Amino acid sequence: MSSQYKFENHSVDEIRPHNKVKLTDLLSRINQEKKVERNRNLALSVAAVSAVTVFGIILTL
């Protein structure tokens, strides 16, 4: 999913009228998407561990 380019997240100004594509722009977008995905995965992992911990504490009471 990180390698997919999401068109709906970018404005029309970013679409260039000519056929040339800058490789550095593509790589920076890929790296930015990876960072966002990594942060989402981290937040989901923290939420899951927290839920399991709270559930375990409740069971021990």
C-alpha atoms as a PDB file:
ATOM      1  CA  MET A   1       0.000   0.000   0.000  1.00  0.00           C
ATOM      2  CA  SER A   2       2.871   2.378   0.632  1.00  0.00           C
ATOM      3  CA  SER A   3       3.991   2.178  -2.994  1.00  0.00           C
ATOM      4  CA  GLN A   4       0.581   3.145  -4.333  1.00  0.00           C
ATOM      5  CA  TYR A   5       0.183   6.760  -5.337  1.00  0.00           C
ATOM      6  CA  LYS A   6      -2.970   8.311  -3.961  1.00  0.00           C
ATOM      7  CA  PHE A   7      -4.349  10.843  -6.429  1.00  0.00           C
ATOM      8  CA  GLU A   8      -7.152  12.100  -4.228  1.00  0.00           C
ATOM      9  CA  ASN A   9      -4.686  13.447  -1.631  1.00  0.00           C
ATOM     10  CA  HIS A  10      -2.917  15.814  -4.024  1.00  0.00           C
ATOM     11  CA  SER A  11      -4.105  19.036  -5.574  1.00  0.00           C
ATOM     12  CA  VAL A  12      -4.478  19.680  -9.281  1.00  0.00           C
ATOM     13  CA  ASP A  13      -1.515  22.084  -9.167  1.00  0.00           C
ATOM     14  CA  GLU A  14       0.844  19.169  -8.559  1.00  0.00           C
ATOM     15  CA  ILE A  15      -0.112  17.483 -11.840  1.00  0.00           C
ATOM     16  CA  ARG A  16       2.247  18.722 -14.496  1.00  0.00           C
ATOM     17  CA  PRO A  17       1.068  19.432 -18.030  1.00  0.00           C
ATOM     18  CA  HIS A  18       4.231  18.058 -19.636  1.00  0.00           C
ATOM     19  CA  ASN A  19       5.357  14.432 -19.805  1.00  0.00           C
ATOM     20  CA  LYS A  20       8.528  14.707 -17.727  1.00  0.00           C
ATOM     21  CA  VAL A  21       8.474  13.373 -14.191  1.00  0.00           C
ATOM     22  CA  LYS A  22      11.160  14.176 -11.655  1.00  0.00           C
ATOM     23  CA  LEU A  23      12.477  11.098  -9.930  1.00  0.00           C
ATOM     24  CA  THR A  24      13.323  13.042  -6.784  1.00  0.00           C
ATOM     25  CA  ASP A  25       9.683  14.160  -6.475  1.00  0.00           C
ATOM     26  CA  LEU A  26       8.494  10.579  -6.759  1.00  0.00           C
ATOM     27  CA  LEU A  27      11.016   9.328  -4.221  1.00  0.00           C
ATOM     28  CA  SER A  28      10.135  12.072  -1.759  1.00  0.00           C
ATOM     29  CA  ARG A  29       6.435  11.247  -2.076  1.00  0.00           C
ATOM     30  CA  ILE A  30       7.146   7.554  -1.510  1.00  0.00           C
ATOM     31  CA  ASN A  31       9.263   8.344   1.549  1.00  0.00           C
ATOM     32  CA  GLN A  32       6.568  10.656   2.908  1.00  0.00           C
ATOM     33  CA  GLU A  33       3.901   7.955   2.457  1.00  0.00           C
ATOM     34  CA  LYS A  34       6.156   5.438   4.228  1.00  0.00           C
ATOM     35  CA  LYS A  35       6.562   7.787   7.198  1.00  0.00           C
ATOM     36  CA  VAL A  36       2.807   8.321   7.441  1.00  0.00           C
ATOM     37  CA  GLU A  37       2.146   4.587   7.223  1.00  0.00           C
ATOM     38  CA  ARG A  38       4.828   3.833   9.831  1.00  0.00           C
ATOM     39  CA  ASN A  39       3.269   6.384  12.218  1.00  0.00           C
ATOM     40  CA  ARG A  40      -0.189   4.868  11.709  1.00  0.00           C
ATOM     41  CA  ASN A  41       1.151   1.386  12.364  1.00  0.00           C
ATOM     42  CA  LEU A  42       2.911   2.575  15.504  1.00  0.00           C
ATOM     43  CA  ALA A  43      -0.237   4.249  16.806  1.00  0.00           C
ATOM     44  CA  LEU A  44      -2.283   1.122  16.091  1.00  0.00           C
ATOM     45  CA  SER A  45       0.278  -1.064  17.849  1.00  0.00           C
ATOM     46  CA  VAL A  46       0.318   1.184  20.914  1.00  0.00           C
ATOM     47  CA  ALA A  47      -3.479   1.150  21.033  1.00  0.00           C
ATOM     48  CA  ALA A  48      -3.574  -2.650  20.777  1.00  0.00           C
ATOM     49  CA  VAL A  49      -0.964  -3.150  23.507  1.00  0.00           C
ATOM     50  CA  SER A  50      -2.762  -0.664  25.735  1.00  0.00           C
ATOM     51  CA  ALA A  51      -6.080  -2.432  25.235  1.00  0.00           C
ATOM     52  CA  VAL A  52      -4.553  -5.819  26.075  1.00  0.00           C
ATOM     53  CA  THR A  53      -2.854  -4.365  29.160  1.00  0.00           C
ATOM     54  CA  VAL A  54      -6.055  -2.746  30.432  1.00  0.00           C
ATOM     55  CA  PHE A  55      -8.000  -5.940  29.782  1.00  0.00           C
ATOM     56  CA  GLY A  56      -5.370  -7.957  31.658  1.00  0.00           C
ATOM     57  CA  ILE A  57      -5.479  -5.580  34.630  1.00  0.00           C
ATOM     58  CA  ILE A  58      -9.264  -5.788  34.733  1.00  0.00           C
ATOM     59  CA  LEU A  59      -9.120  -9.601  34.702  1.00  0.00           C
ATOM     60  CA  THR A  60      -6.669  -9.728  37.610  1.00  0.00           C
ATOM     61  CA  LEU A  61      -8.879  -7.603  39.867  1.00  0.00           C
END
